[in-house]
Amino acid sequence: MQITDIKIRKFFEDGPMKAVASVTLDDCLAIHDIKVIYARERFFIVMPSRKNPDGSYRDIVHPINSGFRTELERAVIDAYHAQLIAAECDGDGDPVII
């Protein structure tokens, strides 16, 4: 499965959540609401989830193996950094910071 597109939808300045992304796989499947988090001195992603009646959360979609999870996480975090840098350099791609 190939990651064919990544869009950073929203940026956040305060708190550990830094962005929300959408990823397209094989130009056929879109995954929305992947969160980019910065905590414990590192970036990582959190997959879309729903809240269960008991208050816990369960992923709606998630990678099945650690290799693809690592690839997906690196690609989303790289896209997040690239869009921040592009916005700072040329001013044309200003991220929407909430």
PDB file of N, CA and C in Angstrom:
ATOM      1  N   MET A   1       0.853  -1.169   0.000  1.00  0.00           N
ATOM      2  CA  MET A   1       0.000   0.000   0.000  1.00  0.00           C
ATOM      3  C   MET A   1       0.899   1.231   0.000  1.00  0.00           C
ATOM      4  N   GLN A   2       0.603   2.161  -0.911  1.00  0.00           N
ATOM      5  CA  GLN A   2       1.411   3.367  -1.047  1.00  0.00           C
ATOM      6  C   GLN A   2       0.654   4.587  -0.539  1.00  0.00           C
ATOM      7  N   ILE A   3       1.353   5.458   0.166  1.00  0.00           N
ATOM      8  CA  ILE A   3       0.791   6.744   0.577  1.00  0.00           C
ATOM      9  C   ILE A   3       0.911   7.658  -0.632  1.00  0.00           C
ATOM     10  N   THR A   4      -0.236   8.083  -1.172  1.00  0.00           N
ATOM     11  CA  THR A   4      -0.202   8.883  -2.393  1.00  0.00           C
ATOM     12  C   THR A   4      -0.484  10.370  -2.159  1.00  0.00           C
ATOM     13  N   ASP A   5      -0.974  10.734  -0.975  1.00  0.00           N
ATOM     14  CA  ASP A   5      -1.205  12.151  -0.680  1.00  0.00           C
ATOM     15  C   ASP A   5      -1.354  12.336   0.821  1.00  0.00           C
ATOM     16  N   ILE A   6      -0.851  13.462   1.294  1.00  0.00           N
ATOM     17  CA  ILE A   6      -1.035  13.852   2.690  1.00  0.00           C
ATOM     18  C   ILE A   6      -1.402  15.327   2.708  1.00  0.00           C
ATOM     19  N   LYS A   7      -2.482  15.649   3.380  1.00  0.00           N
ATOM     20  CA  LYS A   7      -2.908  17.042   3.535  1.00  0.00           C
ATOM     21  C   LYS A   7      -2.981  17.357   5.024  1.00  0.00           C
ATOM     22  N   ILE A   8      -2.312  18.425   5.410  1.00  0.00           N
ATOM     23  CA  ILE A   8      -2.423  18.902   6.777  1.00  0.00           C
ATOM     24  C   ILE A   8      -3.601  19.865   6.786  1.00  0.00           C
ATOM     25  N   ARG A   9      -4.660  19.495   7.475  1.00  0.00           N
ATOM     26  CA  ARG A   9      -5.928  20.241   7.428  1.00  0.00           C
ATOM     27  C   ARG A   9      -5.973  21.423   8.388  1.00  0.00           C
ATOM     28  N   LYS A  10      -5.488  21.231   9.599  1.00  0.00           N
ATOM     29  CA  LYS A  10      -5.523  22.297  10.611  1.00  0.00           C
ATOM     30  C   LYS A  10      -4.238  22.258  11.416  1.00  0.00           C
ATOM     31  N   PHE A  11      -3.801  23.425  11.855  1.00  0.00           N
ATOM     32  CA  PHE A  11      -2.655  23.544  12.742  1.00  0.00           C
ATOM     33  C   PHE A  11      -3.141  24.095  14.082  1.00  0.00           C
ATOM     34  N   PHE A  12      -2.495  23.684  15.156  1.00  0.00           N
ATOM     35  CA  PHE A  12      -2.821  24.168  16.492  1.00  0.00           C
ATOM     36  C   PHE A  12      -1.535  24.640  17.151  1.00  0.00           C
ATOM     37  N   GLU A  13      -1.597  25.790  17.795  1.00  0.00           N
ATOM     38  CA  GLU A  13      -0.411  26.361  18.426  1.00  0.00           C
ATOM     39  C   GLU A  13      -0.264  25.898  19.868  1.00  0.00           C
ATOM     40  N   ASP A  14      -1.351  25.861  20.607  1.00  0.00           N
ATOM     41  CA  ASP A  14      -1.309  25.526  22.029  1.00  0.00           C
ATOM     42  C   ASP A  14      -1.622  24.054  22.256  1.00  0.00           C
ATOM     43  N   GLY A  15      -1.047  23.508  23.306  1.00  0.00           N
ATOM     44  CA  GLY A  15      -1.342  22.133  23.686  1.00  0.00           C
ATOM     45  C   GLY A  15      -0.517  21.138  22.904  1.00  0.00           C
ATOM     46  N   PRO A  16      -0.654  19.864  23.253  1.00  0.00           N
ATOM     47  CA  PRO A  16       0.154  18.826  22.591  1.00  0.00           C
ATOM     48  C   PRO A  16      -0.290  18.500  21.164  1.00  0.00           C
ATOM     49  N   MET A  17      -1.575  18.709  20.820  1.00  0.00           N
ATOM     50  CA  MET A  17      -2.011  18.435  19.450  1.00  0.00           C
ATOM     51  C   MET A  17      -1.554  19.582  18.556  1.00  0.00           C
ATOM     52  N   LYS A  18      -0.770  19.259  17.539  1.00  0.00           N
ATOM     53  CA  LYS A  18      -0.188  20.278  16.664  1.00  0.00           C
ATOM     54  C   LYS A  18      -0.885  20.388  15.319  1.00  0.00           C
ATOM     55  N   ALA A  19      -1.539  19.302  14.857  1.00  0.00           N
ATOM     56  CA  ALA A  19      -2.191  19.360  13.548  1.00  0.00           C
ATOM     57  C   ALA A  19      -3.155  18.192  13.395  1.00  0.00           C
ATOM     58  N   VAL A  20      -4.010  18.325  12.382  1.00  0.00           N
ATOM     59  CA  VAL A  20      -4.907  17.252  11.959  1.00  0.00           C
ATOM     60  C   VAL A  20      -4.648  17.036  10.474  1.00  0.00           C
ATOM     61  N   ALA A  21      -4.474  15.773  10.091  1.00  0.00           N
ATOM     62  CA  ALA A  21      -4.099  15.444   8.717  1.00  0.00           C
ATOM     63  C   ALA A  21      -5.078  14.459   8.088  1.00  0.00           C
ATOM     64  N   SER A  22      -5.065  14.446   6.758  1.00  0.00           N
ATOM     65  CA  SER A  22      -5.761  13.428   5.969  1.00  0.00           C
ATOM     66  C   SER A  22      -4.728  12.754   5.084  1.00  0.00           C
ATOM     67  N   VAL A  23      -4.844  11.449   4.947  1.00  0.00           N
ATOM     68  CA  VAL A  23      -3.902  10.664   4.146  1.00  0.00           C
ATOM     69  C   VAL A  23      -4.692   9.884   3.102  1.00  0.00           C
ATOM     70  N   THR A  24      -4.173   9.852   1.871  1.00  0.00           N
ATOM     71  CA  THR A  24      -4.763   9.043   0.812  1.00  0.00           C
ATOM     72  C   THR A  24      -3.813   7.882   0.516  1.00  0.00           C
ATOM     73  N   LEU A  25      -4.381   6.687   0.411  1.00  0.00           N
ATOM     74  CA  LEU A  25      -3.619   5.483   0.116  1.00  0.00           C
ATOM     75  C   LEU A  25      -4.009   4.959  -1.266  1.00  0.00           C
ATOM     76  N   ASP A  26      -3.001   4.675  -2.085  1.00  0.00           N
ATOM     77  CA  ASP A  26      -3.198   4.123  -3.431  1.00  0.00           C
ATOM     78  C   ASP A  26      -4.195   4.920  -4.270  1.00  0.00           C
ATOM     79  N   ASP A  27      -4.306   6.213  -4.041  1.00  0.00           N
ATOM     80  CA  ASP A  27      -5.271   7.065  -4.761  1.00  0.00           C
ATOM     81  C   ASP A  27      -6.690   6.510  -4.671  1.00  0.00           C
ATOM     82  N   CYS A  28      -6.980   5.694  -3.643  1.00  0.00           N
ATOM     83  CA  CYS A  28      -8.280   5.020  -3.556  1.00  0.00           C
ATOM     84  C   CYS A  28      -8.966   5.152  -2.198  1.00  0.00           C
ATOM     85  N   LEU A  29      -8.216   5.368  -1.136  1.00  0.00           N
ATOM     86  CA  LEU A  29      -8.782   5.354   0.204  1.00  0.00           C
ATOM     87  C   LEU A  29      -8.258   6.547   0.985  1.00  0.00           C
ATOM     88  N   ALA A  30      -9.172   7.330   1.572  1.00  0.00           N
ATOM     89  CA  ALA A  30      -8.783   8.485   2.383  1.00  0.00           C
ATOM     90  C   ALA A  30      -9.022   8.181   3.852  1.00  0.00           C
ATOM     91  N   ILE A  31      -8.056   8.558   4.674  1.00  0.00           N
ATOM     92  CA  ILE A  31      -8.190   8.469   6.121  1.00  0.00           C
ATOM     93  C   ILE A  31      -8.110   9.890   6.656  1.00  0.00           C
ATOM     94  N   HIS A  32      -9.165  10.336   7.314  1.00  0.00           N
ATOM     95  CA  HIS A  32      -9.231  11.697   7.860  1.00  0.00           C
ATOM     96  C   HIS A  32      -9.016  11.676   9.368  1.00  0.00           C
ATOM     97  N   ASP A  33      -8.709  12.840   9.899  1.00  0.00           N
ATOM     98  CA  ASP A  33      -8.606  13.068  11.347  1.00  0.00           C
ATOM     99  C   ASP A  33      -7.465  12.319  12.019  1.00  0.00           C
ATOM    100  N   ILE A  34      -6.337  12.216  11.347  1.00  0.00           N
ATOM    101  CA  ILE A  34      -5.122  11.709  11.979  1.00  0.00           C
ATOM    102  C   ILE A  34      -4.499  12.897  12.710  1.00  0.00           C
ATOM    103  N   LYS A  35      -4.255  12.732  13.996  1.00  0.00           N
ATOM    104  CA  LYS A  35      -3.737  13.830  14.810  1.00  0.00           C
ATOM    105  C   LYS A  35      -2.219  13.746  14.917  1.00  0.00           C
ATOM    106  N   VAL A  36      -1.565  14.914  14.781  1.00  0.00           N
ATOM    107  CA  VAL A  36      -0.127  15.032  15.008  1.00  0.00           C
ATOM    108  C   VAL A  36       0.040  15.575  16.421  1.00  0.00           C
ATOM    109  N   ILE A  37       0.743  14.833  17.265  1.00  0.00           N
ATOM    110  CA  ILE A  37       0.906  15.168  18.677  1.00  0.00           C
ATOM    111  C   ILE A  37       2.384  15.388  18.977  1.00  0.00           C
ATOM    112  N   TYR A  38       2.668  16.392  19.819  1.00  0.00           N
ATOM    113  CA  TYR A  38       4.029  16.563  20.340  1.00  0.00           C
ATOM    114  C   TYR A  38       3.951  16.430  21.853  1.00  0.00           C
ATOM    115  N   ALA A  39       4.535  15.368  22.385  1.00  0.00           N
ATOM    116  CA  ALA A  39       4.544  15.126  23.830  1.00  0.00           C
ATOM    117  C   ALA A  39       5.778  14.303  24.169  1.00  0.00           C
ATOM    118  N   ARG A  40       6.253  14.456  25.372  1.00  0.00           N
ATOM    119  CA  ARG A  40       7.439  13.721  25.840  1.00  0.00           C
ATOM    120  C   ARG A  40       8.625  13.901  24.905  1.00  0.00           C
ATOM    121  N   GLU A  41       8.766  15.129  24.417  1.00  0.00           N
ATOM    122  CA  GLU A  41       9.911  15.503  23.583  1.00  0.00           C
ATOM    123  C   GLU A  41       9.960  14.810  22.224  1.00  0.00           C
ATOM    124  N   ARG A  42       8.798  14.368  21.701  1.00  0.00           N
ATOM    125  CA  ARG A  42       8.797  13.756  20.374  1.00  0.00           C
ATOM    126  C   ARG A  42       7.434  13.928  19.703  1.00  0.00           C
ATOM    127  N   PHE A  43       7.443  13.833  18.371  1.00  0.00           N
ATOM    128  CA  PHE A  43       6.212  13.853  17.586  1.00  0.00           C
ATOM    129  C   PHE A  43       5.747  12.425  17.342  1.00  0.00           C
ATOM    130  N   PHE A  44       4.425  12.224  17.319  1.00  0.00           N
ATOM    131  CA  PHE A  44       3.833  10.954  16.928  1.00  0.00           C
ATOM    132  C   PHE A  44       2.432  11.227  16.416  1.00  0.00           C
ATOM    133  N   ILE A  45       1.804  10.207  15.820  1.00  0.00           N
ATOM    134  CA  ILE A  45       0.444  10.382  15.318  1.00  0.00           C
ATOM    135  C   ILE A  45      -0.521   9.538  16.135  1.00  0.00           C
ATOM    136  N   VAL A  46      -1.770   9.986  16.129  1.00  0.00           N
ATOM    137  CA  VAL A  46      -2.861   9.247  16.762  1.00  0.00           C
ATOM    138  C   VAL A  46      -3.920   9.044  15.684  1.00  0.00           C
ATOM    139  N   MET A  47      -4.308   7.811  15.500  1.00  0.00           N
ATOM    140  CA  MET A  47      -5.275   7.465  14.464  1.00  0.00           C
ATOM    141  C   MET A  47      -6.683   7.895  14.872  1.00  0.00           C
ATOM    142  N   PRO A  48      -7.588   8.068  13.893  1.00  0.00           N
ATOM    143  CA  PRO A  48      -8.964   8.452  14.204  1.00  0.00           C
ATOM    144  C   PRO A  48      -9.613   7.419  15.130  1.00  0.00           C
ATOM    145  N   SER A  49     -10.407   7.908  16.069  1.00  0.00           N
ATOM    146  CA  SER A  49     -11.032   7.002  17.029  1.00  0.00           C
ATOM    147  C   SER A  49     -12.431   7.484  17.384  1.00  0.00           C
ATOM    148  N   ARG A  50     -13.141   6.631  18.080  1.00  0.00           N
ATOM    149  CA  ARG A  50     -14.468   7.010  18.583  1.00  0.00           C
ATOM    150  C   ARG A  50     -14.523   6.680  20.062  1.00  0.00           C
ATOM    151  N   LYS A  51     -15.373   7.387  20.757  1.00  0.00           N
ATOM    152  CA  LYS A  51     -15.510   7.188  22.196  1.00  0.00           C
ATOM    153  C   LYS A  51     -16.532   6.096  22.472  1.00  0.00           C
ATOM    154  N   ASN A  52     -16.155   5.142  23.298  1.00  0.00           N
ATOM    155  CA  ASN A  52     -17.045   4.060  23.703  1.00  0.00           C
ATOM    156  C   ASN A  52     -17.936   4.518  24.861  1.00  0.00           C
ATOM    157  N   PRO A  53     -19.040   3.830  25.093  1.00  0.00           N
ATOM    158  CA  PRO A  53     -19.928   4.202  26.199  1.00  0.00           C
ATOM    159  C   PRO A  53     -19.230   4.240  27.566  1.00  0.00           C
ATOM    160  N   ASP A  54     -18.176   3.451  27.739  1.00  0.00           N
ATOM    161  CA  ASP A  54     -17.467   3.431  29.027  1.00  0.00           C
ATOM    162  C   ASP A  54     -16.436   4.554  29.161  1.00  0.00           C
ATOM    163  N   GLY A  55     -16.330   5.426  28.120  1.00  0.00           N
ATOM    164  CA  GLY A  55     -15.406   6.549  28.168  1.00  0.00           C
ATOM    165  C   GLY A  55     -14.052   6.266  27.540  1.00  0.00           C
ATOM    166  N   SER A  56     -13.769   5.026  27.209  1.00  0.00           N
ATOM    167  CA  SER A  56     -12.511   4.700  26.541  1.00  0.00           C
ATOM    168  C   SER A  56     -12.639   5.010  25.047  1.00  0.00           C
ATOM    169  N   TYR A  57     -11.505   5.026  24.368  1.00  0.00           N
ATOM    170  CA  TYR A  57     -11.494   5.293  22.935  1.00  0.00           C
ATOM    171  C   TYR A  57     -11.017   4.056  22.181  1.00  0.00           C
ATOM    172  N   ARG A  58     -11.557   3.887  20.976  1.00  0.00           N
ATOM    173  CA  ARG A  58     -11.176   2.764  20.124  1.00  0.00           C
ATOM    174  C   ARG A  58     -10.868   3.306  18.730  1.00  0.00           C
ATOM    175  N   ASP A  59      -9.719   2.900  18.175  1.00  0.00           N
ATOM    176  CA  ASP A  59      -9.353   3.340  16.825  1.00  0.00           C
ATOM    177  C   ASP A  59     -10.396   2.862  15.821  1.00  0.00           C
ATOM    178  N   ILE A  60     -10.744   3.743  14.893  1.00  0.00           N
ATOM    179  CA  ILE A  60     -11.649   3.387  13.804  1.00  0.00           C
ATOM    180  C   ILE A  60     -10.864   2.679  12.701  1.00  0.00           C
ATOM    181  N   VAL A  61      -9.652   3.155  12.477  1.00  0.00           N
ATOM    182  CA  VAL A  61      -8.764   2.587  11.462  1.00  0.00           C
ATOM    183  C   VAL A  61      -7.349   2.656  12.025  1.00  0.00           C
ATOM    184  N   HIS A  62      -6.533   1.654  11.707  1.00  0.00           N
ATOM    185  CA  HIS A  62      -5.160   1.667  12.205  1.00  0.00           C
ATOM    186  C   HIS A  62      -4.298   0.734  11.369  1.00  0.00           C
ATOM    187  N   PRO A  63      -2.994   1.000  11.315  1.00  0.00           N
ATOM    188  CA  PRO A  63      -2.088   0.099  10.609  1.00  0.00           C
ATOM    189  C   PRO A  63      -2.050  -1.266  11.298  1.00  0.00           C
ATOM    190  N   ILE A  64      -1.921  -2.311  10.511  1.00  0.00           N
ATOM    191  CA  ILE A  64      -1.892  -3.667  11.040  1.00  0.00           C
ATOM    192  C   ILE A  64      -0.494  -4.066  11.497  1.00  0.00           C
ATOM    193  N   ASN A  65       0.547  -3.536  10.847  1.00  0.00           N
ATOM    194  CA  ASN A  65       1.904  -3.930  11.245  1.00  0.00           C
ATOM    195  C   ASN A  65       2.751  -2.703  11.578  1.00  0.00           C
ATOM    196  N   SER A  66       3.792  -2.935  12.349  1.00  0.00           N
ATOM    197  CA  SER A  66       4.625  -1.831  12.829  1.00  0.00           C
ATOM    198  C   SER A  66       5.403  -1.159  11.697  1.00  0.00           C
ATOM    199  N   GLY A  67       5.750  -1.911  10.663  1.00  0.00           N
ATOM    200  CA  GLY A  67       6.474  -1.319   9.535  1.00  0.00           C
ATOM    201  C   GLY A  67       5.669  -0.241   8.841  1.00  0.00           C
ATOM    202  N   PHE A  68       4.396  -0.540   8.551  1.00  0.00           N
ATOM    203  CA  PHE A  68       3.572   0.469   7.888  1.00  0.00           C
ATOM    204  C   PHE A  68       3.235   1.611   8.842  1.00  0.00           C
ATOM    205  N   ARG A  69       3.049   1.317  10.114  1.00  0.00           N
ATOM    206  CA  ARG A  69       2.780   2.383  11.082  1.00  0.00           C
ATOM    207  C   ARG A  69       3.946   3.371  11.114  1.00  0.00           C
ATOM    208  N   THR A  70       5.166   2.846  11.136  1.00  0.00           N
ATOM    209  CA  THR A  70       6.352   3.709  11.139  1.00  0.00           C
ATOM    210  C   THR A  70       6.403   4.550   9.866  1.00  0.00           C
ATOM    211  N   GLU A  71       6.138   3.918   8.720  1.00  0.00           N
ATOM    212  CA  GLU A  71       6.135   4.644   7.443  1.00  0.00           C
ATOM    213  C   GLU A  71       5.082   5.747   7.429  1.00  0.00           C
ATOM    214  N   LEU A  72       3.872   5.437   7.878  1.00  0.00           N
ATOM    215  CA  LEU A  72       2.785   6.406   7.916  1.00  0.00           C
ATOM    216  C   LEU A  72       3.107   7.553   8.871  1.00  0.00           C
ATOM    217  N   GLU A  73       3.585   7.221  10.056  1.00  0.00           N
ATOM    218  CA  GLU A  73       3.918   8.247  11.046  1.00  0.00           C
ATOM    219  C   GLU A  73       4.988   9.187  10.517  1.00  0.00           C
ATOM    220  N   ARG A  74       6.050   8.634   9.938  1.00  0.00           N
ATOM    221  CA  ARG A  74       7.144   9.461   9.406  1.00  0.00           C
ATOM    222  C   ARG A  74       6.641  10.362   8.282  1.00  0.00           C
ATOM    223  N   ALA A  75       5.819   9.826   7.387  1.00  0.00           N
ATOM    224  CA  ALA A  75       5.309  10.612   6.255  1.00  0.00           C
ATOM    225  C   ALA A  75       4.420  11.757   6.724  1.00  0.00           C
ATOM    226  N   VAL A  76       3.536  11.509   7.680  1.00  0.00           N
ATOM    227  CA  VAL A  76       2.635  12.557   8.176  1.00  0.00           C
ATOM    228  C   VAL A  76       3.428  13.634   8.915  1.00  0.00           C
ATOM    229  N   ILE A  77       4.354  13.234   9.765  1.00  0.00           N
ATOM    230  CA  ILE A  77       5.161  14.209  10.514  1.00  0.00           C
ATOM    231  C   ILE A  77       6.045  15.007   9.564  1.00  0.00           C
ATOM    232  N   ASP A  78       6.625  14.366   8.553  1.00  0.00           N
ATOM    233  CA  ASP A  78       7.424  15.093   7.557  1.00  0.00           C
ATOM    234  C   ASP A  78       6.570  16.100   6.800  1.00  0.00           C
ATOM    235  N   ALA A  79       5.334  15.724   6.433  1.00  0.00           N
ATOM    236  CA  ALA A  79       4.431  16.649   5.735  1.00  0.00           C
ATOM    237  C   ALA A  79       4.070  17.829   6.626  1.00  0.00           C
ATOM    238  N   TYR A  80       3.856  17.563   7.904  1.00  0.00           N
ATOM    239  CA  TYR A  80       3.560  18.635   8.875  1.00  0.00           C
ATOM    240  C   TYR A  80       4.719  19.631   8.918  1.00  0.00           C
ATOM    241  N   HIS A  81       5.949  19.146   9.082  1.00  0.00           N
ATOM    242  CA  HIS A  81       7.119  20.033   9.136  1.00  0.00           C
ATOM    243  C   HIS A  81       7.321  20.770   7.819  1.00  0.00           C
ATOM    244  N   ALA A  82       7.140  20.091   6.699  1.00  0.00           N
ATOM    245  CA  ALA A  82       7.317  20.722   5.382  1.00  0.00           C
ATOM    246  C   ALA A  82       6.332  21.868   5.190  1.00  0.00           C
ATOM    247  N   GLN A  83       5.083  21.678   5.594  1.00  0.00           N
ATOM    248  CA  GLN A  83       4.101  22.737   5.419  1.00  0.00           C
ATOM    249  C   GLN A  83       4.395  23.913   6.345  1.00  0.00           C
ATOM    250  N   LEU A  84       4.868  23.651   7.557  1.00  0.00           N
ATOM    251  CA  LEU A  84       5.260  24.747   8.448  1.00  0.00           C
ATOM    252  C   LEU A  84       6.412  25.546   7.860  1.00  0.00           C
ATOM    253  N   ILE A  85       7.426  24.852   7.342  1.00  0.00           N
ATOM    254  CA  ILE A  85       8.587  25.526   6.749  1.00  0.00           C
ATOM    255  C   ILE A  85       8.182  26.324   5.519  1.00  0.00           C
ATOM    256  N   ALA A  86       7.342  25.751   4.664  1.00  0.00           N
ATOM    257  CA  ALA A  86       6.886  26.453   3.459  1.00  0.00           C
ATOM    258  C   ALA A  86       6.140  27.729   3.828  1.00  0.00           C
ATOM    259  N   ALA A  87       5.320  27.665   4.857  1.00  0.00           N
ATOM    260  CA  ALA A  87       4.556  28.845   5.287  1.00  0.00           C
ATOM    261  C   ALA A  87       5.488  29.929   5.806  1.00  0.00           C
ATOM    262  N   GLU A  88       6.549  29.535   6.506  1.00  0.00           N
ATOM    263  CA  GLU A  88       7.497  30.514   7.040  1.00  0.00           C
ATOM    264  C   GLU A  88       8.347  31.133   5.942  1.00  0.00           C
ATOM    265  N   CYS A  89       8.707  30.344   4.920  1.00  0.00           N
ATOM    266  CA  CYS A  89       9.627  30.803   3.878  1.00  0.00           C
ATOM    267  C   CYS A  89       8.980  31.736   2.869  1.00  0.00           C
ATOM    268  N   ASP A  90       7.805  31.372   2.359  1.00  0.00           N
ATOM    269  CA  ASP A  90       7.244  32.159   1.269  1.00  0.00           C
ATOM    270  C   ASP A  90       5.973  32.920   1.639  1.00  0.00           C
ATOM    271  N   GLY A  91       5.389  32.614   2.749  1.00  0.00           N
ATOM    272  CA  GLY A  91       4.199  33.335   3.160  1.00  0.00           C
ATOM    273  C   GLY A  91       2.954  32.961   2.395  1.00  0.00           C
ATOM    274  N   ASP A  92       3.070  32.154   1.332  1.00  0.00           N
ATOM    275  CA  ASP A  92       1.906  31.784   0.523  1.00  0.00           C
ATOM    276  C   ASP A  92       1.086  30.664   1.144  1.00  0.00           C
ATOM    277  N   GLY A  93       1.725  29.798   1.894  1.00  0.00           N
ATOM    278  CA  GLY A  93       1.040  28.636   2.432  1.00  0.00           C
ATOM    279  C   GLY A  93       0.763  28.770   3.917  1.00  0.00           C
ATOM    280  N   ASP A  94       0.346  29.951   4.333  1.00  0.00           N
ATOM    281  CA  ASP A  94       0.127  30.185   5.754  1.00  0.00           C
ATOM    282  C   ASP A  94      -0.769  29.123   6.356  1.00  0.00           C
ATOM    283  N   PRO A  95      -0.267  28.413   7.356  1.00  0.00           N
ATOM    284  CA  PRO A  95      -1.132  27.443   8.021  1.00  0.00           C
ATOM    285  C   PRO A  95      -2.190  28.161   8.845  1.00  0.00           C
ATOM    286  N   VAL A  96      -3.328  27.537   8.963  1.00  0.00           N
ATOM    287  CA  VAL A  96      -4.393  28.068   9.806  1.00  0.00           C
ATOM    288  C   VAL A  96      -4.130  27.563  11.210  1.00  0.00           C
ATOM    289  N   ILE A  97      -3.700  28.470  12.097  1.00  0.00           N
ATOM    290  CA  ILE A  97      -3.396  28.086  13.466  1.00  0.00           C
ATOM    291  C   ILE A  97      -4.546  28.493  14.342  1.00  0.00           C
ATOM    292  N   ILE A  98      -5.063  27.511  15.077  1.00  0.00           N
ATOM    293  CA  ILE A  98      -6.238  27.734  15.927  1.00  0.00           C
ATOM    294  C   ILE A  98      -5.784  27.842  17.368  1.00  0.00           C
TER     295      ILE A  98
END
